[in-house]
Protein backbone atom coordinates (compact mmCIF):
# COMPACT_ATOMS: atom_id res chain seq x y z
CA MET A 1 16.34 19.38 10.40
CA LYS A 2 12.73 19.12 11.58
CA VAL A 3 10.82 16.60 9.47
CA LEU A 4 7.18 15.52 9.31
CA TYR A 5 6.73 12.01 7.92
CA ALA A 6 3.10 11.55 6.80
CA ILE A 7 1.85 8.00 6.25
CA GLN A 8 -1.30 6.67 4.62
CA GLY A 9 -2.94 4.21 7.02
CA THR A 10 -5.27 2.60 4.47
CA GLY A 11 -3.65 -0.71 3.63
CA ASN A 12 -0.91 -2.54 5.47
CA GLY A 13 1.90 -1.79 3.01
CA HIS A 14 2.35 1.87 3.89
CA VAL A 15 2.60 1.14 7.61
CA SER A 16 4.92 -1.85 7.14
CA ARG A 17 7.26 0.26 5.00
CA ALA A 18 7.14 3.10 7.53
CA ASN A 19 8.27 0.75 10.31
CA GLU A 20 11.44 0.12 8.29
CA ILE A 21 12.01 3.75 7.28
CA ILE A 22 11.39 5.53 10.60
CA PRO A 23 14.54 4.26 12.41
CA PHE A 24 16.73 5.83 9.70
CA LEU A 25 14.81 9.11 9.83
CA GLU A 26 15.07 9.22 13.63
CA LYS A 27 18.86 8.94 13.39
CA LYS A 28 19.16 11.73 10.85
CA CYS A 29 16.58 14.36 11.85
CA ASP A 30 14.10 15.69 14.42
CA LEU A 31 11.10 13.58 13.42
CA ASP A 32 7.33 13.83 13.93
CA ILE A 33 4.90 11.29 12.48
CA LEU A 34 1.43 11.76 10.99
CA LEU A 35 -0.90 8.82 10.27
CA SER A 36 -4.26 9.08 8.53
CA GLY A 37 -6.80 6.45 7.50
CA THR A 38 -8.43 3.56 9.31
CA GLN A 39 -8.05 0.34 7.32
CA ALA A 40 -4.58 -0.98 8.20
CA ASP A 41 -4.25 -4.16 10.28
CA VAL A 42 -0.52 -3.66 10.87
CA GLY A 43 0.39 -1.37 13.77
CA LEU A 44 2.89 1.47 13.60
CA ASN A 45 5.64 0.82 16.13
CA TYR A 46 6.44 4.49 16.83
CA PRO A 47 4.74 7.44 18.57
CA ILE A 48 2.28 9.33 16.37
CA LYS A 49 2.21 13.14 16.66
CA PHE A 50 -0.85 13.66 14.43
CA LYS A 51 -3.64 11.09 13.97
CA MET A 52 -6.00 12.16 11.19
CA LYS A 53 -9.16 10.73 9.67
CA GLY A 54 -7.98 11.71 6.20
CA LEU A 55 -9.48 9.94 3.19
CA CYS A 56 -9.50 6.17 2.88
CA PHE A 57 -10.88 3.48 0.62
CA ILE A 58 -13.27 1.00 2.27
CA PHE A 59 -12.93 -2.65 1.22
CA GLY A 60 -16.10 -4.39 0.05
CA LYS A 61 -16.89 -8.12 0.00
CA LYS A 62 -17.20 -8.70 -3.74
CA GLY A 63 -13.62 -8.18 -4.85
CA GLY A 64 -13.32 -4.42 -4.85
CA VAL A 65 -13.64 -1.08 -3.10
CA ASP A 66 -17.06 -0.29 -1.64
CA MET A 67 -17.50 2.99 -3.48
CA TYR A 68 -20.65 4.00 -1.57
CA LYS A 69 -19.03 3.61 1.85
CA THR A 70 -15.81 5.16 0.56
CA PHE A 71 -17.45 8.35 -0.65
CA LYS A 72 -19.81 8.46 2.33
CA GLN A 73 -16.88 8.72 4.76
CA MET A 74 -15.13 11.38 2.70
CA GLN A 75 -16.58 14.18 4.85
CA SER A 76 -15.29 17.26 3.09
CA LYS A 77 -15.77 19.61 6.09
CA LYS A 78 -13.73 17.30 8.31
CA PHE A 79 -11.08 16.91 5.63
CA LEU A 80 -10.81 20.67 5.09
CA SER A 81 -10.60 21.22 8.84
CA GLU A 82 -7.71 18.75 9.14
CA ILE A 83 -5.89 20.40 6.24
CA LYS A 84 -6.20 23.88 7.73
CA SER A 85 -5.21 22.81 11.24
CA LEU A 86 -2.07 20.88 10.29
CA PRO A 87 1.00 23.11 10.93
CA VAL A 88 3.17 21.96 8.02
CA GLU A 89 4.80 25.39 7.99
CA ASP A 90 6.57 24.44 11.24
CA TYR A 91 8.68 21.82 9.46
CA ASP A 92 11.78 22.08 7.28
CA LEU A 93 10.68 19.06 5.29
CA VAL A 94 7.46 17.07 4.77
CA ILE A 95 7.89 13.51 3.50
CA ASN A 96 4.68 12.02 2.21
CA ASP A 97 3.69 8.38 1.68
CA PHE A 98 0.46 8.94 -0.29
CA GLU A 99 -1.08 10.81 2.65
CA PRO A 100 -3.69 13.40 1.58
CA VAL A 101 -4.02 15.74 4.59
CA SER A 102 -0.36 16.78 4.70
CA ALA A 103 -0.08 16.90 0.90
CA TRP A 104 -3.02 19.30 0.56
CA ALA A 105 -1.88 21.32 3.59
CA CYS A 106 1.48 21.80 1.87
CA LYS A 107 -0.27 22.80 -1.33
CA LEU A 108 -2.35 25.38 0.52
CA LYS A 109 0.60 26.82 2.44
CA ASN A 110 3.13 26.69 -0.40
CA VAL A 111 5.32 24.08 1.28
CA LEU A 112 7.10 21.65 -1.02
CA CYS A 113 6.00 18.12 -0.14
CA ILE A 114 8.36 15.31 -1.15
CA GLY A 115 6.62 12.06 -2.06
CA MET A 116 8.16 8.77 -0.98
CA SER A 117 5.68 6.10 -2.02
CA HIS A 118 4.82 3.30 -4.37
CA GLN A 119 2.16 5.53 -5.95
CA TRP A 120 4.88 7.96 -7.05
CA ALA A 121 6.34 5.17 -9.21
CA VAL A 122 3.32 3.46 -10.79
CA LEU A 123 2.41 6.37 -13.07
CA HIS A 124 5.95 6.77 -14.42
CA GLU A 125 5.87 6.70 -18.22
CA ASP A 126 8.06 3.60 -18.35
CA ALA A 127 6.22 1.62 -15.65
CA PRO A 128 3.94 -1.21 -16.89
CA LYS A 129 0.31 -0.29 -17.55
CA PRO A 130 -2.80 -2.48 -17.96
CA ALA A 131 -4.41 -2.78 -21.38
CA SER A 132 -7.44 -0.76 -20.23
CA LYS A 133 -6.70 2.76 -19.06
CA ASP A 134 -8.71 4.34 -16.26
CA PHE A 135 -8.91 8.13 -16.46
CA PHE A 136 -10.67 8.47 -13.09
CA GLY A 137 -8.21 6.10 -11.42
CA THR A 138 -5.27 8.04 -12.87
CA MET A 139 -6.69 11.32 -11.58
CA ILE A 140 -7.03 9.85 -8.07
CA LEU A 141 -3.40 8.71 -8.09
CA ARG A 142 -2.24 12.13 -9.33
CA HIS A 143 -4.37 14.33 -7.06
CA TYR A 144 -5.19 12.27 -3.95
CA ALA A 145 -1.91 13.31 -2.30
CA PRO A 146 -0.23 15.75 -4.70
CA CYS A 147 3.56 16.18 -4.46
CA LYS A 148 5.78 18.10 -6.87
CA THR A 149 8.81 15.89 -6.43
CA GLY A 150 9.72 12.58 -4.85
CA VAL A 151 11.03 9.04 -5.02
CA GLY A 152 9.08 5.88 -5.70
CA PHE A 153 9.12 2.13 -5.14
CA HIS A 154 8.26 -0.49 -7.76
CA PHE A 155 9.09 -4.08 -8.69
CA LYS A 156 11.86 -2.75 -10.97
CA PRO A 157 13.72 0.61 -11.12
CA TYR A 158 11.77 1.79 -14.17
CA GLY A 159 13.12 5.33 -14.05
CA GLU A 160 15.18 7.89 -12.16
CA ASN A 161 14.51 7.92 -8.40
CA ILE A 162 12.50 4.69 -8.61
CA PHE A 163 13.77 1.94 -6.34
CA THR A 164 12.88 -1.68 -5.62
CA PRO A 165 10.66 -2.50 -2.60
CA VAL A 166 11.51 -1.93 1.06
CA ILE A 167 11.34 -5.44 2.55
CA LYS A 168 10.53 -5.91 6.25
CA ARG A 169 13.43 -7.22 8.35
CA GLU A 170 11.42 -10.21 9.59
CA ILE A 171 10.82 -11.22 5.98
CA ARG A 172 14.33 -10.43 4.74
CA ASN A 173 15.86 -12.43 7.62
CA ALA A 174 13.29 -15.27 7.77
CA PRO A 175 14.65 -18.81 7.24
CA LYS A 176 13.28 -20.67 4.23
CA LYS A 177 10.51 -23.10 5.22
CA ASN A 178 7.74 -24.85 3.31
CA LEU A 179 5.10 -26.61 5.42
CA GLY A 180 2.88 -27.19 2.37
CA HIS A 181 -0.07 -24.87 3.03
CA TYR A 182 -1.13 -21.84 0.97
CA THR A 183 -1.62 -18.41 2.53
CA VAL A 184 -4.50 -16.25 1.28
CA TYR A 185 -5.11 -12.55 1.89
CA LEU A 186 -7.91 -11.09 -0.24
CA PRO A 187 -9.64 -8.56 2.06
CA ALA A 188 -12.05 -7.36 -0.62
CA TYR A 189 -13.78 -10.78 -0.74
CA SER A 190 -16.16 -12.27 1.81
CA ASP A 191 -15.23 -15.45 3.65
CA LYS A 192 -18.15 -17.22 1.96
CA LYS A 193 -16.85 -16.37 -1.51
CA LEU A 194 -13.28 -17.40 -0.68
CA ILE A 195 -14.36 -20.72 0.82
CA ALA A 196 -16.63 -21.53 -2.12
CA PHE A 197 -13.85 -20.82 -4.63
CA LEU A 198 -10.87 -22.38 -2.85
CA SER A 199 -12.55 -25.48 -1.40
CA VAL A 200 -12.81 -26.83 -4.96
CA PHE A 201 -9.13 -27.77 -4.61
CA LYS A 202 -9.63 -30.61 -2.12
CA ASN A 203 -5.98 -31.54 -1.53
CA ILE A 204 -4.82 -28.05 -0.64
CA GLN A 205 -4.71 -26.64 2.87
CA TRP A 206 -5.74 -23.00 2.70
CA GLN A 207 -4.93 -20.53 5.48
CA ILE A 208 -7.20 -17.55 4.82
CA PHE A 209 -6.70 -14.26 6.67
CA SER A 210 -9.95 -12.32 6.75
CA LYS A 211 -11.00 -8.77 7.64
CA HIS A 212 -14.57 -10.05 8.04
CA THR A 213 -14.22 -12.30 11.08
CA LYS A 214 -13.09 -11.84 14.67
CA LYS A 215 -12.78 -15.55 15.45
CA SER A 216 -10.84 -18.39 13.83
CA TYR A 217 -12.86 -21.25 12.35
CA THR A 218 -12.51 -24.09 9.86
CA ALA A 219 -14.62 -24.95 6.82
CA GLY A 220 -13.42 -28.14 5.15
CA ASN A 221 -9.87 -27.61 3.93
CA CYS A 222 -10.06 -23.84 4.60
CA SER A 223 -8.79 -22.37 7.87
CA ILE A 224 -10.11 -18.84 8.34
CA LYS A 225 -8.36 -16.48 10.76
CA PRO A 226 -8.76 -12.82 11.70
CA VAL A 227 -5.86 -10.69 10.50
CA SER A 228 -2.99 -10.79 12.96
CA THR A 229 0.50 -9.59 12.08
CA ALA A 230 2.24 -12.37 14.00
CA GLU A 231 0.01 -15.19 12.71
CA PHE A 232 0.08 -13.90 9.15
CA THR A 233 3.87 -13.63 9.16
CA GLU A 234 4.17 -17.18 10.51
CA SER A 235 1.80 -18.53 7.86
CA PHE A 236 3.39 -16.47 5.11
CA THR A 237 7.00 -17.41 5.84
CA THR A 238 6.24 -21.16 6.07
CA CYS A 239 3.78 -21.54 3.17
CA GLU A 240 4.26 -23.03 -0.27
CA GLY A 241 2.40 -20.27 -2.05
CA VAL A 242 0.49 -17.02 -1.65
CA ILE A 243 -2.73 -15.74 -3.18
CA CYS A 244 -3.24 -12.04 -2.49
CA GLY A 245 -4.52 -8.81 -3.94
CA ALA A 246 -2.36 -6.89 -6.36
CA GLY A 247 -1.00 -4.62 -3.69
CA PHE A 248 2.71 -3.99 -3.59
CA GLU A 249 4.40 -5.02 -0.35
CA THR A 250 2.89 -8.52 0.07
CA PRO A 251 3.64 -9.62 -3.54
CA ALA A 252 7.15 -8.14 -3.22
CA GLU A 253 7.75 -10.07 0.00
CA ALA A 254 6.53 -13.30 -1.59
CA LEU A 255 8.94 -12.77 -4.49
CA GLN A 256 11.78 -12.02 -2.07
CA MET A 257 11.12 -15.29 -0.23
CA GLY A 258 10.67 -17.36 -3.38
CA LYS A 259 7.04 -18.26 -2.62
CA LYS A 260 4.69 -19.22 -5.42
CA LEU A 261 2.57 -16.15 -6.07
CA LEU A 262 -0.79 -15.46 -7.72
CA VAL A 263 -2.46 -12.05 -7.53
CA VAL A 264 -6.07 -10.90 -7.88
CA PRO A 265 -6.40 -7.11 -8.40
CA MET A 266 -9.28 -5.37 -6.63
CA LYS A 267 -12.12 -3.96 -8.68
CA HIS A 268 -12.37 -0.15 -8.83
CA GLN A 269 -8.75 0.13 -7.66
CA TYR A 270 -6.69 1.27 -10.62
CA GLU A 271 -3.46 1.19 -8.64
CA GLN A 272 -3.89 -2.55 -8.15
CA HIS A 273 -4.32 -3.02 -11.89
CA LEU A 274 -1.11 -1.07 -12.44
CA ASN A 275 0.57 -3.33 -9.88
CA ALA A 276 -0.82 -6.42 -11.59
CA ALA A 277 0.71 -5.22 -14.87
CA GLY A 278 4.05 -4.86 -13.06
CA ALA A 279 3.73 -8.33 -11.54
CA GLN A 280 2.91 -9.84 -14.93
CA ASP A 281 5.99 -8.10 -16.32
CA LEU A 282 7.98 -10.25 -13.88
CA GLY A 283 6.12 -13.45 -14.81
CA VAL A 284 3.61 -13.59 -11.95
CA PRO A 285 0.20 -15.07 -12.91
CA VAL A 286 -2.81 -12.77 -12.51
CA ILE A 287 -6.53 -13.56 -12.45
CA LYS A 288 -9.19 -10.86 -12.66
CA SER A 289 -11.66 -12.33 -10.19
CA LEU A 290 -12.74 -15.43 -8.28
CA LYS A 291 -15.16 -16.56 -10.95
CA LYS A 292 -15.45 -20.22 -11.94
CA LYS A 293 -13.94 -19.51 -15.36
CA HIS A 294 -10.61 -18.78 -13.63
CA LEU A 295 -10.47 -22.06 -11.68
CA HIS A 296 -8.31 -23.73 -14.34
CA LYS A 297 -5.72 -20.95 -14.05
CA VAL A 298 -5.47 -21.53 -10.30
CA GLU A 299 -5.23 -25.29 -10.88
CA ASN A 300 -2.36 -24.81 -13.34
CA TRP A 301 -0.63 -22.50 -10.87
CA LEU A 302 -0.96 -25.04 -8.06
CA LYS A 303 0.70 -27.67 -10.27
CA GLU A 304 3.72 -25.46 -10.90
CA LYS A 305 6.77 -26.70 -9.04
CA ASN A 306 9.15 -23.79 -9.54
CA ALA A 307 8.51 -20.45 -7.84
CA LEU A 308 9.81 -17.11 -9.06
CA GLN A 309 12.36 -15.58 -6.70
CA ILE A 310 13.71 -12.05 -6.96
CA TYR A 311 16.22 -10.57 -4.57
CA PHE A 312 15.48 -6.93 -3.77
CA PRO A 313 18.58 -5.18 -2.34
CA ASP A 314 18.32 -3.30 0.94
CA GLU A 315 18.61 0.35 -0.13
CA THR A 316 16.50 2.00 2.56
CA GLU A 317 19.18 4.20 4.08
CA LYS A 318 20.43 5.22 0.64
CA ILE A 319 16.89 6.33 -0.29
CA ILE A 320 16.47 8.30 2.95
CA ASP A 321 19.78 10.08 2.35
CA LEU A 322 18.64 10.97 -1.17
CA VAL A 323 15.35 12.43 0.07
CA LEU A 324 17.03 14.44 2.83
CA ALA A 325 19.54 15.80 0.31
CA MET A 326 16.83 17.11 -2.01
CA PRO A 327 16.35 20.91 -2.11
CA ALA A 328 15.28 22.13 1.34
CA VAL A 329 11.57 22.68 1.79
CA LYS A 330 10.74 26.34 2.28
CA ILE A 331 7.47 28.19 2.60
CA VAL A 332 7.44 30.51 -0.40
CA ASP A 333 5.66 33.29 1.41
CA LYS A 334 4.48 32.77 5.01
CA LYS A 335 2.38 35.93 5.01
CA ARG A 336 0.63 34.92 1.81
CA ALA A 337 0.07 31.39 3.13
CA LYS A 338 -1.59 32.72 6.28
CA SER A 339 -3.77 35.10 4.29
CA LEU A 340 -5.21 32.49 1.96
CA PRO A 341 -8.98 32.07 2.44
CA ALA A 342 -10.36 28.72 3.62
CA ASN A 343 -11.98 28.19 0.23
CA GLY A 344 -8.64 28.69 -1.49
CA ILE A 345 -7.92 24.95 -1.45
CA LEU A 346 -8.22 23.64 -4.96
CA LEU A 347 -9.43 20.15 -4.13
CA PRO A 348 -10.02 17.66 -6.95
CA ARG A 349 -13.64 17.38 -8.05
CA TRP A 350 -14.08 13.86 -6.59
CA VAL A 351 -13.59 15.06 -2.96
């Protein structure tokens, strides 16, 4: 079976999960890999057949997505060109981890695209939701990389074909250590904001990993480092606690290792608010921002002695077998697909 595995490169979680999934796919099929997006700090360890610009969200410095820069780089002509040029019809199966180019190419050419992502799970009717709904955010999650069927990953198996997180081998196999420091990864905040907020807690050693610096430096009890997979893993596996955004993989890994965990969802990122609702469902504390009014919540969290630990079973190969056993992907009508006009792509209105 010839398979295209398409991965979203915005955010480290998609790439980290792909590094665990790809070895199983390589054993079971003839595999090509597509990567789109530009924001990940983690490298993909396998050859990439198609490297696309795609659509990605640009992190700001005030706790959220920089919407201006995000929409500015969504060049519709480039996006349409990538969609039209991608030969998804050459594959028996397209597996999609929230990757828009391949998803829309499959939609145009009538190829069934099977989703295999966290995003597939968060909108399930039984998955936790925040108190405030976000219509625009929901539409992005539904139409950014549309797939008709799939499997999803979440903190709990909330429904059929929803599985617990794929945990990296270096995290799953890491020995338990606690050197007393706290690891921080909040890429949507500036170093200045993080230092001002965290330095209030004088007796804590903070190791902050930043997307906004290329050199390591120290400011009081805050050690600021550029993002490096090896250094972050070392800090993460030996820390006492973790403060991070309400992504999926990093919180899941902290729970797997039994690290104290506090999450801060990004502004203008509805998926992170859905994740935060899921984390709260497990008992993880959540703060909305790094404003002074939340300092007492962080102080209470730092005083906590017991960390929540959840063991997520290793089901990766089982999930791959399930996806490969789904109904074979076929082009409904190759002649019709080739005859579709360029303007026949029904893109969502926000593109």
